[in-house]
Amino acid sequence: MQHTTTPEPIDRLSSRDIARTLLWMVVVASALTNMATSFAGAQTWVHLVCGAITVLCAGTLVVRNLRARR
């Protein structure tokens, strides 16, 4: 007699995975925007906003990673 069990889905996305992916997308997008505005000669406040968004999202990723290790 065989015992059959229903396998669990391997590729389940959790809210943590979605949040991490979105944060990485924002980091990359804001860094690219900052670089593009540098070449375009945009005003200083545009660089500051893009840089602040990049730093905040990167910092959030670091904090989430450190908390997950505990």
PDB file of N, CA and C in Angstrom:
ATOM      1  N   MET A   1       0.836  -1.169   0.000  1.00  0.00           N
ATOM      2  CA  MET A   1       0.000   0.000   0.000  1.00  0.00           C
ATOM      3  C   MET A   1       0.889   1.243   0.000  1.00  0.00           C
ATOM      4  N   GLN A   2       0.642   2.151  -0.925  1.00  0.00           N
ATOM      5  CA  GLN A   2       1.445   3.347  -1.048  1.00  0.00           C
ATOM      6  C   GLN A   2       0.819   4.497  -0.269  1.00  0.00           C
ATOM      7  N   HIS A   3       1.699   5.271   0.321  1.00  0.00           N
ATOM      8  CA  HIS A   3       1.244   6.472   1.009  1.00  0.00           C
ATOM      9  C   HIS A   3       1.458   7.651   0.075  1.00  0.00           C
ATOM     10  N   THR A   4       0.402   8.330  -0.239  1.00  0.00           N
ATOM     11  CA  THR A   4       0.536   9.498  -1.100  1.00  0.00           C
ATOM     12  C   THR A   4       0.245  10.755  -0.301  1.00  0.00           C
ATOM     13  N   THR A   5       1.065  11.717  -0.528  1.00  0.00           N
ATOM     14  CA  THR A   5       0.851  13.007   0.109  1.00  0.00           C
ATOM     15  C   THR A   5       0.835  14.085  -0.971  1.00  0.00           C
ATOM     16  N   THR A   6       0.174  15.117  -0.677  1.00  0.00           N
ATOM     17  CA  THR A   6       0.127  16.226  -1.617  1.00  0.00           C
ATOM     18  C   THR A   6       1.378  17.068  -1.422  1.00  0.00           C
ATOM     19  N   PRO A   7       2.187  17.219  -2.467  1.00  0.00           N
ATOM     20  CA  PRO A   7       3.404  18.011  -2.315  1.00  0.00           C
ATOM     21  C   PRO A   7       3.071  19.496  -2.143  1.00  0.00           C
ATOM     22  N   GLU A   8       3.889  20.140  -1.350  1.00  0.00           N
ATOM     23  CA  GLU A   8       3.704  21.574  -1.141  1.00  0.00           C
ATOM     24  C   GLU A   8       4.330  22.327  -2.309  1.00  0.00           C
ATOM     25  N   PRO A   9       3.703  23.399  -2.709  1.00  0.00           N
ATOM     26  CA  PRO A   9       4.305  24.183  -3.802  1.00  0.00           C
ATOM     27  C   PRO A   9       5.668  24.719  -3.394  1.00  0.00           C
ATOM     28  N   ILE A  10       6.625  24.573  -4.274  1.00  0.00           N
ATOM     29  CA  ILE A  10       7.990  24.980  -3.980  1.00  0.00           C
ATOM     30  C   ILE A  10       8.141  26.495  -4.110  1.00  0.00           C
ATOM     31  N   ASP A  11       7.511  27.041  -5.094  1.00  0.00           N
ATOM     32  CA  ASP A  11       7.718  28.462  -5.407  1.00  0.00           C
ATOM     33  C   ASP A  11       6.610  29.343  -4.844  1.00  0.00           C
ATOM     34  N   ARG A  12       6.485  29.364  -3.548  1.00  0.00           N
ATOM     35  CA  ARG A  12       5.521  30.261  -2.916  1.00  0.00           C
ATOM     36  C   ARG A  12       6.198  31.586  -2.633  1.00  0.00           C
ATOM     37  N   LEU A  13       5.534  32.652  -3.005  1.00  0.00           N
ATOM     38  CA  LEU A  13       6.066  33.980  -2.721  1.00  0.00           C
ATOM     39  C   LEU A  13       5.445  34.494  -1.437  1.00  0.00           C
ATOM     40  N   SER A  14       6.291  34.877  -0.521  1.00  0.00           N
ATOM     41  CA  SER A  14       5.795  35.454   0.719  1.00  0.00           C
ATOM     42  C   SER A  14       5.791  36.979   0.582  1.00  0.00           C
ATOM     43  N   SER A  15       5.163  37.628   1.524  1.00  0.00           N
ATOM     44  CA  SER A  15       5.141  39.088   1.490  1.00  0.00           C
ATOM     45  C   SER A  15       6.549  39.647   1.700  1.00  0.00           C
ATOM     46  N   ARG A  16       7.398  38.904   2.421  1.00  0.00           N
ATOM     47  CA  ARG A  16       8.803  39.316   2.598  1.00  0.00           C
ATOM     48  C   ARG A  16       9.539  39.327   1.269  1.00  0.00           C
ATOM     49  N   ASP A  17       9.312  38.301   0.456  1.00  0.00           N
ATOM     50  CA  ASP A  17       9.965  38.222  -0.849  1.00  0.00           C
ATOM     51  C   ASP A  17       9.507  39.350  -1.762  1.00  0.00           C
ATOM     52  N   ILE A  18       8.224  39.638  -1.734  1.00  0.00           N
ATOM     53  CA  ILE A  18       7.686  40.702  -2.577  1.00  0.00           C
ATOM     54  C   ILE A  18       8.246  42.051  -2.137  1.00  0.00           C
ATOM     55  N   ALA A  19       8.287  42.290  -0.829  1.00  0.00           N
ATOM     56  CA  ALA A  19       8.811  43.559  -0.321  1.00  0.00           C
ATOM     57  C   ALA A  19      10.288  43.720  -0.679  1.00  0.00           C
ATOM     58  N   ARG A  20      11.066  42.644  -0.541  1.00  0.00           N
ATOM     59  CA  ARG A  20      12.486  42.706  -0.873  1.00  0.00           C
ATOM     60  C   ARG A  20      12.677  43.007  -2.359  1.00  0.00           C
ATOM     61  N   THR A  21      11.894  42.375  -3.204  1.00  0.00           N
ATOM     62  CA  THR A  21      11.994  42.611  -4.642  1.00  0.00           C
ATOM     63  C   THR A  21      11.636  44.052  -4.994  1.00  0.00           C
ATOM     64  N   LEU A  22      10.567  44.555  -4.395  1.00  0.00           N
ATOM     65  CA  LEU A  22      10.166  45.940  -4.654  1.00  0.00           C
ATOM     66  C   LEU A  22      11.223  46.935  -4.169  1.00  0.00           C
ATOM     67  N   LEU A  23      11.810  46.669  -3.007  1.00  0.00           N
ATOM     68  CA  LEU A  23      12.856  47.552  -2.504  1.00  0.00           C
ATOM     69  C   LEU A  23      14.055  47.567  -3.443  1.00  0.00           C
ATOM     70  N   TRP A  24      14.452  46.389  -3.936  1.00  0.00           N
ATOM     71  CA  TRP A  24      15.584  46.338  -4.870  1.00  0.00           C
ATOM     72  C   TRP A  24      15.252  47.080  -6.162  1.00  0.00           C
ATOM     73  N   MET A  25      14.019  46.963  -6.626  1.00  0.00           N
ATOM     74  CA  MET A  25      13.632  47.662  -7.847  1.00  0.00           C
ATOM     75  C   MET A  25      13.694  49.180  -7.655  1.00  0.00           C
ATOM     76  N   VAL A  26      13.269  49.656  -6.483  1.00  0.00           N
ATOM     77  CA  VAL A  26      13.322  51.084  -6.207  1.00  0.00           C
ATOM     78  C   VAL A  26      14.768  51.558  -6.079  1.00  0.00           C
ATOM     79  N   VAL A  27      15.624  50.754  -5.445  1.00  0.00           N
ATOM     80  CA  VAL A  27      17.042  51.123  -5.322  1.00  0.00           C
ATOM     81  C   VAL A  27      17.667  51.275  -6.705  1.00  0.00           C
ATOM     82  N   VAL A  28      17.441  50.305  -7.566  1.00  0.00           N
ATOM     83  CA  VAL A  28      18.032  50.354  -8.905  1.00  0.00           C
ATOM     84  C   VAL A  28      17.452  51.516  -9.706  1.00  0.00           C
ATOM     85  N   ALA A  29      16.140  51.698  -9.647  1.00  0.00           N
ATOM     86  CA  ALA A  29      15.498  52.769 -10.414  1.00  0.00           C
ATOM     87  C   ALA A  29      15.968  54.149  -9.943  1.00  0.00           C
ATOM     88  N   SER A  30      16.066  54.342  -8.644  1.00  0.00           N
ATOM     89  CA  SER A  30      16.489  55.660  -8.153  1.00  0.00           C
ATOM     90  C   SER A  30      17.966  55.909  -8.438  1.00  0.00           C
ATOM     91  N   ALA A  31      18.787  54.872  -8.383  1.00  0.00           N
ATOM     92  CA  ALA A  31      20.203  55.046  -8.718  1.00  0.00           C
ATOM     93  C   ALA A  31      20.374  55.372 -10.204  1.00  0.00           C
ATOM     94  N   LEU A  32      19.620  54.698 -11.050  1.00  0.00           N
ATOM     95  CA  LEU A  32      19.693  54.990 -12.489  1.00  0.00           C
ATOM     96  C   LEU A  32      19.156  56.386 -12.798  1.00  0.00           C
ATOM     97  N   THR A  33      18.096  56.778 -12.115  1.00  0.00           N
ATOM     98  CA  THR A  33      17.553  58.122 -12.305  1.00  0.00           C
ATOM     99  C   THR A  33      18.559  59.174 -11.866  1.00  0.00           C
ATOM    100  N   ASN A  34      19.224  58.913 -10.757  1.00  0.00           N
ATOM    101  CA  ASN A  34      20.238  59.849 -10.277  1.00  0.00           C
ATOM    102  C   ASN A  34      21.377  59.967 -11.289  1.00  0.00           C
ATOM    103  N   MET A  35      21.792  58.857 -11.848  1.00  0.00           N
ATOM    104  CA  MET A  35      22.857  58.882 -12.842  1.00  0.00           C
ATOM    105  C   MET A  35      22.405  59.615 -14.109  1.00  0.00           C
ATOM    106  N   ALA A  36      21.177  59.365 -14.550  1.00  0.00           N
ATOM    107  CA  ALA A  36      20.677  60.031 -15.757  1.00  0.00           C
ATOM    108  C   ALA A  36      20.549  61.532 -15.562  1.00  0.00           C
ATOM    109  N   THR A  37      20.109  61.938 -14.376  1.00  0.00           N
ATOM    110  CA  THR A  37      19.994  63.377 -14.128  1.00  0.00           C
ATOM    111  C   THR A  37      21.365  64.033 -14.015  1.00  0.00           C
ATOM    112  N   SER A  38      22.373  63.271 -13.631  1.00  0.00           N
ATOM    113  CA  SER A  38      23.730  63.813 -13.603  1.00  0.00           C
ATOM    114  C   SER A  38      24.208  64.153 -15.012  1.00  0.00           C
ATOM    115  N   PHE A  39      23.929  63.261 -15.943  1.00  0.00           N
ATOM    116  CA  PHE A  39      24.328  63.511 -17.326  1.00  0.00           C
ATOM    117  C   PHE A  39      23.487  64.604 -17.965  1.00  0.00           C
ATOM    118  N   ALA A  40      22.238  64.740 -17.524  1.00  0.00           N
ATOM    119  CA  ALA A  40      21.346  65.741 -18.105  1.00  0.00           C
ATOM    120  C   ALA A  40      21.564  67.124 -17.512  1.00  0.00           C
ATOM    121  N   GLY A  41      22.282  67.197 -16.415  1.00  0.00           N
ATOM    122  CA  GLY A  41      22.537  68.495 -15.801  1.00  0.00           C
ATOM    123  C   GLY A  41      21.342  69.035 -15.042  1.00  0.00           C
ATOM    124  N   ALA A  42      20.639  68.172 -14.357  1.00  0.00           N
ATOM    125  CA  ALA A  42      19.450  68.586 -13.611  1.00  0.00           C
ATOM    126  C   ALA A  42      19.841  69.382 -12.375  1.00  0.00           C
ATOM    127  N   GLN A  43      18.842  69.941 -11.738  1.00  0.00           N
ATOM    128  CA  GLN A  43      19.080  70.742 -10.544  1.00  0.00           C
ATOM    129  C   GLN A  43      19.508  69.861  -9.372  1.00  0.00           C
ATOM    130  N   THR A  44      20.099  70.488  -8.368  1.00  0.00           N
ATOM    131  CA  THR A  44      20.658  69.772  -7.225  1.00  0.00           C
ATOM    132  C   THR A  44      19.593  69.038  -6.425  1.00  0.00           C
ATOM    133  N   TRP A  45      18.409  69.622  -6.296  1.00  0.00           N
ATOM    134  CA  TRP A  45      17.380  68.986  -5.476  1.00  0.00           C
ATOM    135  C   TRP A  45      16.950  67.638  -6.063  1.00  0.00           C
ATOM    136  N   VAL A  46      17.029  67.487  -7.387  1.00  0.00           N
ATOM    137  CA  VAL A  46      16.672  66.208  -8.013  1.00  0.00           C
ATOM    138  C   VAL A  46      17.671  65.135  -7.588  1.00  0.00           C
ATOM    139  N   HIS A  47      18.945  65.482  -7.573  1.00  0.00           N
ATOM    140  CA  HIS A  47      19.982  64.540  -7.137  1.00  0.00           C
ATOM    141  C   HIS A  47      19.793  64.164  -5.671  1.00  0.00           C
ATOM    142  N   LEU A  48      19.461  65.157  -4.857  1.00  0.00           N
ATOM    143  CA  LEU A  48      19.277  64.897  -3.430  1.00  0.00           C
ATOM    144  C   LEU A  48      18.092  63.968  -3.168  1.00  0.00           C
ATOM    145  N   VAL A  49      17.005  64.181  -3.880  1.00  0.00           N
ATOM    146  CA  VAL A  49      15.824  63.321  -3.701  1.00  0.00           C
ATOM    147  C   VAL A  49      16.135  61.891  -4.137  1.00  0.00           C
ATOM    148  N   CYS A  50      16.749  61.743  -5.302  1.00  0.00           N
ATOM    149  CA  CYS A  50      17.096  60.397  -5.785  1.00  0.00           C
ATOM    150  C   CYS A  50      18.077  59.707  -4.840  1.00  0.00           C
ATOM    151  N   GLY A  51      19.058  60.450  -4.364  1.00  0.00           N
ATOM    152  CA  GLY A  51      20.030  59.879  -3.436  1.00  0.00           C
ATOM    153  C   GLY A  51      19.391  59.483  -2.119  1.00  0.00           C
ATOM    154  N   ALA A  52      18.481  60.309  -1.610  1.00  0.00           N
ATOM    155  CA  ALA A  52      17.807  59.994  -0.351  1.00  0.00           C
ATOM    156  C   ALA A  52      16.947  58.739  -0.488  1.00  0.00           C
ATOM    157  N   ILE A  53      16.254  58.616  -1.597  1.00  0.00           N
ATOM    158  CA  ILE A  53      15.432  57.414  -1.823  1.00  0.00           C
ATOM    159  C   ILE A  53      16.324  56.183  -1.901  1.00  0.00           C
ATOM    160  N   THR A  54      17.433  56.291  -2.602  1.00  0.00           N
ATOM    161  CA  THR A  54      18.361  55.165  -2.720  1.00  0.00           C
ATOM    162  C   THR A  54      18.893  54.748  -1.349  1.00  0.00           C
ATOM    163  N   VAL A  55      19.318  55.724  -0.558  1.00  0.00           N
ATOM    164  CA  VAL A  55      19.876  55.423   0.766  1.00  0.00           C
ATOM    165  C   VAL A  55      18.823  54.825   1.689  1.00  0.00           C
ATOM    166  N   LEU A  56      17.611  55.364   1.676  1.00  0.00           N
ATOM    167  CA  LEU A  56      16.549  54.841   2.545  1.00  0.00           C
ATOM    168  C   LEU A  56      16.183  53.395   2.189  1.00  0.00           C
ATOM    169  N   CYS A  57      16.041  53.122   0.904  1.00  0.00           N
ATOM    170  CA  CYS A  57      15.684  51.759   0.499  1.00  0.00           C
ATOM    171  C   CYS A  57      16.830  50.778   0.760  1.00  0.00           C
ATOM    172  N   ALA A  58      18.054  51.190   0.478  1.00  0.00           N
ATOM    173  CA  ALA A  58      19.200  50.317   0.744  1.00  0.00           C
ATOM    174  C   ALA A  58      19.341  50.069   2.243  1.00  0.00           C
ATOM    175  N   GLY A  59      19.150  51.101   3.038  1.00  0.00           N
ATOM    176  CA  GLY A  59      19.196  50.929   4.492  1.00  0.00           C
ATOM    177  C   GLY A  59      18.115  49.994   4.995  1.00  0.00           C
ATOM    178  N   THR A  60      16.932  50.108   4.421  1.00  0.00           N
ATOM    179  CA  THR A  60      15.840  49.207   4.794  1.00  0.00           C
ATOM    180  C   THR A  60      16.186  47.770   4.451  1.00  0.00           C
ATOM    181  N   LEU A  61      16.800  47.550   3.300  1.00  0.00           N
ATOM    182  CA  LEU A  61      17.216  46.197   2.928  1.00  0.00           C
ATOM    183  C   LEU A  61      18.248  45.647   3.909  1.00  0.00           C
ATOM    184  N   VAL A  62      19.187  46.466   4.327  1.00  0.00           N
ATOM    185  CA  VAL A  62      20.213  46.024   5.278  1.00  0.00           C
ATOM    186  C   VAL A  62      19.582  45.674   6.621  1.00  0.00           C
ATOM    187  N   VAL A  63      18.705  46.534   7.114  1.00  0.00           N
ATOM    188  CA  VAL A  63      18.061  46.285   8.408  1.00  0.00           C
ATOM    189  C   VAL A  63      17.222  45.017   8.355  1.00  0.00           C
ATOM    190  N   ARG A  64      16.475  44.824   7.275  1.00  0.00           N
ATOM    191  CA  ARG A  64      15.653  43.608   7.150  1.00  0.00           C
ATOM    192  C   ARG A  64      16.524  42.358   7.112  1.00  0.00           C
ATOM    193  N   ASN A  65      17.672  42.452   6.440  1.00  0.00           N
ATOM    194  CA  ASN A  65      18.585  41.312   6.369  1.00  0.00           C
ATOM    195  C   ASN A  65      19.168  40.995   7.741  1.00  0.00           C
ATOM    196  N   LEU A  66      19.571  42.024   8.465  1.00  0.00           N
ATOM    197  CA  LEU A  66      20.142  41.794   9.795  1.00  0.00           C
ATOM    198  C   LEU A  66      19.106  41.241  10.772  1.00  0.00           C
ATOM    199  N   ARG A  67      17.879  41.718  10.694  1.00  0.00           N
ATOM    200  CA  ARG A  67      16.826  41.204  11.583  1.00  0.00           C
ATOM    201  C   ARG A  67      16.463  39.762  11.246  1.00  0.00           C
ATOM    202  N   ALA A  68      16.559  39.395   9.978  1.00  0.00           N
ATOM    203  CA  ALA A  68      16.223  38.029   9.580  1.00  0.00           C
ATOM    204  C   ALA A  68      17.268  37.025  10.081  1.00  0.00           C
ATOM    205  N   ARG A  69      18.477  37.484  10.314  1.00  0.00           N
ATOM    206  CA  ARG A  69      19.536  36.586  10.789  1.00  0.00           C
ATOM    207  C   ARG A  69      19.385  36.230  12.243  1.00  0.00           C
ATOM    208  N   ARG A  70      18.674  37.032  13.007  1.00  0.00           N
ATOM    209  CA  ARG A  70      18.539  36.782  14.453  1.00  0.00           C
ATOM    210  C   ARG A  70      17.663  35.627  14.748  1.00  0.00           C
TER     211      ARG A  70
END
